[in-house]
Amino acid sequence: MELKINGQVKQVDVEDNMPLLWVLRDELNMTGTKYGCGVSSCGACTVMIDGVATRTCTLPAASAAGKEIKTIEGVAESGNLSAVQKAWIQHQVPQCGYCQSGQIMVAEALLDKNPAPTDEDIDAAMTNICRCGTYQRVRSAIHTAAKWRADETTLPG
């Protein structure tokens, strides 16, 4: 099976129904995407597929074939963190950090679709579970990233 991940074509020899999460982690050694619940509830396994935040722990890999897959490893470009990643650091969003790759992927997809989200938009989009409860910091970081995306001259570092 051929998968396009972070702009690169990857060949994998797996069953069509193998969850994409396990293809990424076990077959391609891309361990940034996390396993959390196994039933698509928590969002730790979120990547973007054709620009849509998608939970991968129950998604058959074959359903992602021929589509653009973006993982947390593909968010930083040329070694430069994205506005969302920089905002995450500025607002000290992570505590344990386990859910953060999925949270960042949802935030990136949200801002790609809605460059100036309201609190309500953020709350509706950010349905991933954070066991540490950093939701307020997530919201603040998304607002900051939205401002930085709107005016790239203010993007730090």
C-alpha atoms as a PDB file:
ATOM      1  CA  MET A   1       0.000   0.000   0.000  1.00  0.00           C
ATOM      2  CA  GLU A   2       1.207   3.488  -0.844  1.00  0.00           C
ATOM      3  CA  LEU A   3       0.650   6.337   1.629  1.00  0.00           C
ATOM      4  CA  LYS A   4       1.615   9.980   1.194  1.00  0.00           C
ATOM      5  CA  ILE A   5       2.803  11.196   4.576  1.00  0.00           C
ATOM      6  CA  ASN A   6       4.220  14.661   5.183  1.00  0.00           C
ATOM      7  CA  GLY A   7       4.833  15.096   1.469  1.00  0.00           C
ATOM      8  CA  GLN A   8       6.685  11.797   1.032  1.00  0.00           C
ATOM      9  CA  VAL A   9       5.383   8.604  -0.511  1.00  0.00           C
ATOM     10  CA  LYS A  10       5.790   5.599   1.781  1.00  0.00           C
ATOM     11  CA  GLN A  11       5.311   1.964   0.780  1.00  0.00           C
ATOM     12  CA  VAL A  12       3.988  -0.296   3.514  1.00  0.00           C
ATOM     13  CA  ASP A  13       3.147  -3.971   3.385  1.00  0.00           C
ATOM     14  CA  VAL A  14       0.204  -4.184   5.802  1.00  0.00           C
ATOM     15  CA  GLU A  15      -3.340  -5.482   5.874  1.00  0.00           C
ATOM     16  CA  ASP A  16      -5.829  -2.929   4.503  1.00  0.00           C
ATOM     17  CA  ASN A  17      -7.746  -2.892   7.785  1.00  0.00           C
ATOM     18  CA  MET A  18      -4.699  -2.221  10.000  1.00  0.00           C
ATOM     19  CA  PRO A  19      -5.389   1.061  11.820  1.00  0.00           C
ATOM     20  CA  LEU A  20      -3.419   3.956  10.377  1.00  0.00           C
ATOM     21  CA  LEU A  21      -2.084   4.753  13.858  1.00  0.00           C
ATOM     22  CA  TRP A  22      -0.256   1.424  13.980  1.00  0.00           C
ATOM     23  CA  VAL A  23       1.054   1.804  10.453  1.00  0.00           C
ATOM     24  CA  LEU A  24       2.538   5.160  11.456  1.00  0.00           C
ATOM     25  CA  ARG A  25       3.942   3.991  14.792  1.00  0.00           C
ATOM     26  CA  ASP A  26       4.910   0.370  14.222  1.00  0.00           C
ATOM     27  CA  GLU A  27       5.646   0.170  10.503  1.00  0.00           C
ATOM     28  CA  LEU A  28       7.074   3.651   9.860  1.00  0.00           C
ATOM     29  CA  ASN A  29       8.468   4.414  13.351  1.00  0.00           C
ATOM     30  CA  MET A  30       6.659   7.768  13.445  1.00  0.00           C
ATOM     31  CA  THR A  31       5.925   7.814  17.152  1.00  0.00           C
ATOM     32  CA  GLY A  32       4.755  11.418  17.536  1.00  0.00           C
ATOM     33  CA  THR A  33       1.162  10.322  17.011  1.00  0.00           C
ATOM     34  CA  LYS A  34       0.029   8.656  20.236  1.00  0.00           C
ATOM     35  CA  TYR A  35      -2.252   5.797  21.218  1.00  0.00           C
ATOM     36  CA  GLY A  36      -4.720   6.817  23.889  1.00  0.00           C
ATOM     37  CA  CYS A  37      -8.030   4.987  23.954  1.00  0.00           C
ATOM     38  CA  GLY A  38      -8.307   2.766  20.889  1.00  0.00           C
ATOM     39  CA  VAL A  39     -11.915   3.828  20.190  1.00  0.00           C
ATOM     40  CA  SER A  40     -11.432   7.276  18.584  1.00  0.00           C
ATOM     41  CA  SER A  41     -12.624   9.113  21.683  1.00  0.00           C
ATOM     42  CA  CYS A  42      -9.593  10.845  23.173  1.00  0.00           C
ATOM     43  CA  GLY A  43      -7.901  12.290  20.083  1.00  0.00           C
ATOM     44  CA  ALA A  44      -4.287  11.476  20.992  1.00  0.00           C
ATOM     45  CA  CYS A  45      -4.017   9.696  17.623  1.00  0.00           C
ATOM     46  CA  THR A  46      -5.112  12.693  15.536  1.00  0.00           C
ATOM     47  CA  VAL A  47      -3.412  13.499  12.226  1.00  0.00           C
ATOM     48  CA  MET A  48      -4.667  15.550   9.291  1.00  0.00           C
ATOM     49  CA  ILE A  49      -5.954  13.730   6.229  1.00  0.00           C
ATOM     50  CA  ASP A  50      -6.605  16.033   3.290  1.00  0.00           C
ATOM     51  CA  GLY A  51      -6.552  18.905   5.800  1.00  0.00           C
ATOM     52  CA  VAL A  52      -9.146  17.395   8.145  1.00  0.00           C
ATOM     53  CA  ALA A  53      -8.220  16.461  11.720  1.00  0.00           C
ATOM     54  CA  THR A  54      -8.788  12.706  11.803  1.00  0.00           C
ATOM     55  CA  ARG A  55      -8.470  10.154  14.584  1.00  0.00           C
ATOM     56  CA  THR A  56      -6.451   7.181  13.403  1.00  0.00           C
ATOM     57  CA  CYS A  57      -6.665   4.466  16.062  1.00  0.00           C
ATOM     58  CA  THR A  58      -9.703   2.901  14.361  1.00  0.00           C
ATOM     59  CA  LEU A  59      -9.210   4.221  10.815  1.00  0.00           C
ATOM     60  CA  PRO A  60      -8.210   1.480   8.357  1.00  0.00           C
ATOM     61  CA  ALA A  61      -4.955   2.436   6.651  1.00  0.00           C
ATOM     62  CA  ALA A  62      -6.451   1.641   3.243  1.00  0.00           C
ATOM     63  CA  SER A  63      -8.945   4.481   3.668  1.00  0.00           C
ATOM     64  CA  ALA A  64      -6.031   6.944   3.799  1.00  0.00           C
ATOM     65  CA  ALA A  65      -4.344   5.651   0.646  1.00  0.00           C
ATOM     66  CA  GLY A  66      -4.190   8.312  -2.061  1.00  0.00           C
ATOM     67  CA  LYS A  67      -4.781  11.123   0.422  1.00  0.00           C
ATOM     68  CA  GLU A  68      -2.459  13.697   1.954  1.00  0.00           C
ATOM     69  CA  ILE A  69      -1.568  12.620   5.493  1.00  0.00           C
ATOM     70  CA  LYS A  70       0.108  15.118   7.801  1.00  0.00           C
ATOM     71  CA  THR A  71       1.441  13.994  11.162  1.00  0.00           C
ATOM     72  CA  ILE A  72       2.933  16.001  14.004  1.00  0.00           C
ATOM     73  CA  GLU A  73       6.343  15.277  12.473  1.00  0.00           C
ATOM     74  CA  GLY A  74       5.288  17.273   9.401  1.00  0.00           C
ATOM     75  CA  VAL A  75       4.016  20.393  11.161  1.00  0.00           C
ATOM     76  CA  ALA A  76       7.371  22.172  11.528  1.00  0.00           C
ATOM     77  CA  GLU A  77       8.666  23.231   8.130  1.00  0.00           C
ATOM     78  CA  SER A  78      12.399  23.260   7.379  1.00  0.00           C
ATOM     79  CA  GLY A  79      13.065  22.948  11.102  1.00  0.00           C
ATOM     80  CA  ASN A  80      10.935  25.992  11.932  1.00  0.00           C
ATOM     81  CA  LEU A  81       8.109  25.465  14.406  1.00  0.00           C
ATOM     82  CA  SER A  82       4.651  26.504  13.271  1.00  0.00           C
ATOM     83  CA  ALA A  83       2.777  29.389  14.871  1.00  0.00           C
ATOM     84  CA  VAL A  84       0.692  26.856  16.796  1.00  0.00           C
ATOM     85  CA  GLN A  85       3.758  25.057  18.115  1.00  0.00           C
ATOM     86  CA  LYS A  86       5.363  28.346  19.162  1.00  0.00           C
ATOM     87  CA  ALA A  87       2.159  29.479  20.858  1.00  0.00           C
ATOM     88  CA  TRP A  88       1.973  26.125  22.670  1.00  0.00           C
ATOM     89  CA  ILE A  89       5.430  26.825  24.093  1.00  0.00           C
ATOM     90  CA  GLN A  90       4.700  30.462  24.953  1.00  0.00           C
ATOM     91  CA  HIS A  91       1.514  29.527  26.811  1.00  0.00           C
ATOM     92  CA  GLN A  92       3.132  26.478  28.420  1.00  0.00           C
ATOM     93  CA  VAL A  93       0.216  24.345  27.279  1.00  0.00           C
ATOM     94  CA  PRO A  94       1.586  20.859  27.957  1.00  0.00           C
ATOM     95  CA  GLN A  95       1.805  19.390  31.404  1.00  0.00           C
ATOM     96  CA  CYS A  96       2.378  15.684  30.842  1.00  0.00           C
ATOM     97  CA  GLY A  97       2.339  16.332  27.070  1.00  0.00           C
ATOM     98  CA  TYR A  98       0.885  12.997  26.036  1.00  0.00           C
ATOM     99  CA  CYS A  99      -2.161  14.394  24.220  1.00  0.00           C
ATOM    100  CA  GLN A 100      -0.400  17.395  22.765  1.00  0.00           C
ATOM    101  CA  SER A 101       0.490  16.074  19.310  1.00  0.00           C
ATOM    102  CA  GLY A 102      -3.198  15.349  18.711  1.00  0.00           C
ATOM    103  CA  GLN A 103      -4.217  18.693  20.202  1.00  0.00           C
ATOM    104  CA  ILE A 104      -1.766  20.539  17.944  1.00  0.00           C
ATOM    105  CA  MET A 105      -3.039  18.710  14.856  1.00  0.00           C
ATOM    106  CA  VAL A 106      -6.629  19.725  15.645  1.00  0.00           C
ATOM    107  CA  ALA A 107      -5.548  23.326  16.291  1.00  0.00           C
ATOM    108  CA  GLU A 108      -3.639  23.449  12.990  1.00  0.00           C
ATOM    109  CA  ALA A 109      -6.673  22.108  11.100  1.00  0.00           C
ATOM    110  CA  LEU A 110      -8.964  24.579  12.886  1.00  0.00           C
ATOM    111  CA  LEU A 111      -6.811  27.580  11.987  1.00  0.00           C
ATOM    112  CA  ASP A 112      -6.431  26.394   8.391  1.00  0.00           C
ATOM    113  CA  LYS A 113     -10.234  26.360   8.118  1.00  0.00           C
ATOM    114  CA  ASN A 114     -11.027  29.325  10.391  1.00  0.00           C
ATOM    115  CA  PRO A 115      -8.140  31.800  10.739  1.00  0.00           C
ATOM    116  CA  ALA A 116      -9.895  33.872  13.447  1.00  0.00           C
ATOM    117  CA  PRO A 117     -11.841  31.469  15.668  1.00  0.00           C
ATOM    118  CA  THR A 118     -13.940  32.604  18.605  1.00  0.00           C
ATOM    119  CA  ASP A 119     -13.834  30.849  21.970  1.00  0.00           C
ATOM    120  CA  GLU A 120     -16.959  28.986  20.909  1.00  0.00           C
ATOM    121  CA  ASP A 121     -15.321  27.876  17.642  1.00  0.00           C
ATOM    122  CA  ILE A 122     -12.289  26.628  19.557  1.00  0.00           C
ATOM    123  CA  ASP A 123     -14.393  24.787  22.111  1.00  0.00           C
ATOM    124  CA  ALA A 124     -16.406  23.121  19.330  1.00  0.00           C
ATOM    125  CA  ALA A 125     -13.304  22.021  17.415  1.00  0.00           C
ATOM    126  CA  MET A 126     -11.047  21.008  20.304  1.00  0.00           C
ATOM    127  CA  THR A 127     -12.780  17.840  21.441  1.00  0.00           C
ATOM    128  CA  ASN A 128      -9.573  15.990  22.308  1.00  0.00           C
ATOM    129  CA  ILE A 129      -9.217  14.928  25.919  1.00  0.00           C
ATOM    130  CA  CYS A 130      -6.445  16.399  28.063  1.00  0.00           C
ATOM    131  CA  ARG A 131      -6.172  14.506  31.316  1.00  0.00           C
ATOM    132  CA  CYS A 132      -4.170  17.390  32.793  1.00  0.00           C
ATOM    133  CA  GLY A 133      -6.963  19.854  31.997  1.00  0.00           C
ATOM    134  CA  THR A 134      -4.976  22.470  30.072  1.00  0.00           C
ATOM    135  CA  TYR A 135      -8.003  23.556  28.028  1.00  0.00           C
ATOM    136  CA  GLN A 136      -7.747  27.257  28.978  1.00  0.00           C
ATOM    137  CA  ARG A 137      -4.104  27.339  27.887  1.00  0.00           C
ATOM    138  CA  VAL A 138      -5.016  25.520  24.657  1.00  0.00           C
ATOM    139  CA  ARG A 139      -7.619  28.185  23.890  1.00  0.00           C
ATOM    140  CA  SER A 140      -5.196  31.033  24.685  1.00  0.00           C
ATOM    141  CA  ALA A 141      -2.488  29.459  22.540  1.00  0.00           C
ATOM    142  CA  ILE A 142      -4.868  29.090  19.595  1.00  0.00           C
ATOM    143  CA  HIS A 143      -5.824  32.771  19.816  1.00  0.00           C
ATOM    144  CA  THR A 144      -2.139  33.721  19.895  1.00  0.00           C
ATOM    145  CA  ALA A 145      -1.320  31.450  16.953  1.00  0.00           C
ATOM    146  CA  ALA A 146      -4.217  32.950  14.993  1.00  0.00           C
ATOM    147  CA  LYS A 147      -2.794  36.456  15.552  1.00  0.00           C
ATOM    148  CA  TRP A 148       0.695  35.335  14.547  1.00  0.00           C
ATOM    149  CA  ARG A 149      -0.623  33.620  11.409  1.00  0.00           C
ATOM    150  CA  ALA A 150      -2.493  36.799  10.467  1.00  0.00           C
ATOM    151  CA  ASP A 151       0.661  38.901  10.823  1.00  0.00           C
ATOM    152  CA  GLU A 152       3.712  36.746  10.247  1.00  0.00           C
ATOM    153  CA  THR A 153       5.994  39.642  11.211  1.00  0.00           C
ATOM    154  CA  THR A 154       5.015  39.109  14.852  1.00  0.00           C
ATOM    155  CA  LEU A 155       5.852  35.403  14.839  1.00  0.00           C
ATOM    156  CA  PRO A 156       8.633  34.866  17.380  1.00  0.00           C
ATOM    157  CA  GLY A 157      11.963  33.210  16.552  1.00  0.00           C
END
